[in-house]
Amino acid sequence: MSATEKAIVEVRDLSKVFEDVRAVDGVDFDIYQGELFGFLGPNGAGKTTTINMLTGLARPTSGSVKI
């Protein structure tokens, strides 16, 4: 994207830890208006946990989400 476009979703250093399991480890990404965005990975990669944090169903252990 160009330097003048602002991301509509910004994720920085997002992490989630459940007791001794690190489900999400330092995820960073931006989504821009009009962009198609896919979230792919193997079972257990933290996709659902990340989506739950993006939608407010789970609180991150650290990092930030701006929508």
C-alpha atoms as a PDB file:
ATOM      1  CA  MET A   1       0.000   0.000   0.000  1.00  0.00           C
ATOM      2  CA  SER A   2       1.092   3.577  -0.440  1.00  0.00           C
ATOM      3  CA  ALA A   3       2.574   5.540   2.448  1.00  0.00           C
ATOM      4  CA  THR A   4      -0.496   7.814   2.560  1.00  0.00           C
ATOM      5  CA  GLU A   5      -3.069   5.049   3.072  1.00  0.00           C
ATOM      6  CA  LYS A   6      -4.100   4.328   6.640  1.00  0.00           C
ATOM      7  CA  ALA A   7      -4.737   0.763   7.743  1.00  0.00           C
ATOM      8  CA  ILE A   8      -8.284   0.006   8.913  1.00  0.00           C
ATOM      9  CA  VAL A   9      -6.936  -2.808  11.129  1.00  0.00           C
ATOM     10  CA  GLU A  10      -3.524  -2.619  12.820  1.00  0.00           C
ATOM     11  CA  VAL A  11      -2.171  -5.515  14.874  1.00  0.00           C
ATOM     12  CA  ARG A  12       1.143  -5.118  16.697  1.00  0.00           C
ATOM     13  CA  ASP A  13       3.093  -7.740  18.656  1.00  0.00           C
ATOM     14  CA  LEU A  14      -0.116  -9.608  19.557  1.00  0.00           C
ATOM     15  CA  SER A  15       0.395 -12.498  21.981  1.00  0.00           C
ATOM     16  CA  LYS A  16      -1.832 -14.806  23.994  1.00  0.00           C
ATOM     17  CA  VAL A  17      -0.654 -17.243  26.658  1.00  0.00           C
ATOM     18  CA  PHE A  18      -2.870 -19.846  28.355  1.00  0.00           C
ATOM     19  CA  GLU A  19      -1.029 -21.019  31.500  1.00  0.00           C
ATOM     20  CA  ASP A  20       2.087 -22.604  29.945  1.00  0.00           C
ATOM     21  CA  VAL A  21       0.891 -22.646  26.287  1.00  0.00           C
ATOM     22  CA  ARG A  22       1.781 -19.724  23.997  1.00  0.00           C
ATOM     23  CA  ALA A  23      -1.139 -19.800  21.530  1.00  0.00           C
ATOM     24  CA  VAL A  24      -0.180 -16.593  19.645  1.00  0.00           C
ATOM     25  CA  ASP A  25       3.367 -15.232  19.629  1.00  0.00           C
ATOM     26  CA  GLY A  26       4.072 -11.665  18.489  1.00  0.00           C
ATOM     27  CA  VAL A  27       1.765 -11.366  15.459  1.00  0.00           C
ATOM     28  CA  ASP A  28       1.952  -8.163  13.355  1.00  0.00           C
ATOM     29  CA  PHE A  29      -0.207  -7.240  10.358  1.00  0.00           C
ATOM     30  CA  ASP A  30      -2.197  -4.415   8.740  1.00  0.00           C
ATOM     31  CA  ILE A  31      -5.383  -4.609   6.689  1.00  0.00           C
ATOM     32  CA  TYR A  32      -6.219  -1.762   4.288  1.00  0.00           C
ATOM     33  CA  GLN A  33      -9.633  -0.751   2.918  1.00  0.00           C
ATOM     34  CA  GLY A  34     -10.521  -2.728  -0.214  1.00  0.00           C
ATOM     35  CA  GLU A  35      -7.886  -5.380   0.496  1.00  0.00           C
ATOM     36  CA  LEU A  36      -8.678  -9.095   0.557  1.00  0.00           C
ATOM     37  CA  PHE A  37      -7.089 -10.675   3.608  1.00  0.00           C
ATOM     38  CA  GLY A  38      -6.690 -14.398   4.259  1.00  0.00           C
ATOM     39  CA  PHE A  39      -5.722 -15.955   7.559  1.00  0.00           C
ATOM     40  CA  LEU A  40      -4.151 -19.360   6.899  1.00  0.00           C
ATOM     41  CA  GLY A  41      -2.145 -21.830   8.923  1.00  0.00           C
ATOM     42  CA  PRO A  42      -2.050 -25.385  10.233  1.00  0.00           C
ATOM     43  CA  ASN A  43      -4.154 -26.692  13.119  1.00  0.00           C
ATOM     44  CA  GLY A  44      -2.985 -25.209  16.394  1.00  0.00           C
ATOM     45  CA  ALA A  45      -1.337 -22.168  14.784  1.00  0.00           C
ATOM     46  CA  GLY A  46      -3.463 -19.652  16.732  1.00  0.00           C
ATOM     47  CA  LYS A  47      -5.865 -18.536  13.986  1.00  0.00           C
ATOM     48  CA  THR A  48      -9.029 -18.846  16.080  1.00  0.00           C
ATOM     49  CA  THR A  49      -7.375 -17.312  19.128  1.00  0.00           C
ATOM     50  CA  THR A  50      -6.234 -14.332  17.032  1.00  0.00           C
ATOM     51  CA  ILE A  51      -9.727 -13.862  15.557  1.00  0.00           C
ATOM     52  CA  ASN A  52     -11.181 -14.059  19.081  1.00  0.00           C
ATOM     53  CA  MET A  53      -8.832 -11.268  20.179  1.00  0.00           C
ATOM     54  CA  LEU A  54      -9.721  -9.162  17.110  1.00  0.00           C
ATOM     55  CA  THR A  55     -13.442  -9.495  17.861  1.00  0.00           C
ATOM     56  CA  GLY A  56     -13.121  -8.885  21.596  1.00  0.00           C
ATOM     57  CA  LEU A  57     -14.006 -12.429  22.672  1.00  0.00           C
ATOM     58  CA  ALA A  58     -10.539 -12.891  24.220  1.00  0.00           C
ATOM     59  CA  ARG A  59      -8.098 -10.432  25.757  1.00  0.00           C
ATOM     60  CA  PRO A  60      -4.513 -10.442  24.524  1.00  0.00           C
ATOM     61  CA  THR A  61      -1.747 -11.189  26.997  1.00  0.00           C
ATOM     62  CA  SER A  62       0.261  -8.455  25.272  1.00  0.00           C
ATOM     63  CA  GLY A  63       0.272  -6.362  22.111  1.00  0.00           C
ATOM     64  CA  SER A  64      -2.396  -4.180  20.550  1.00  0.00           C
ATOM     65  CA  VAL A  65      -5.299  -4.297  18.099  1.00  0.00           C
ATOM     66  CA  LYS A  66      -6.677  -1.120  16.520  1.00  0.00           C
ATOM     67  CA  ILE A  67      -9.781  -1.300  14.326  1.00  0.00           C
END
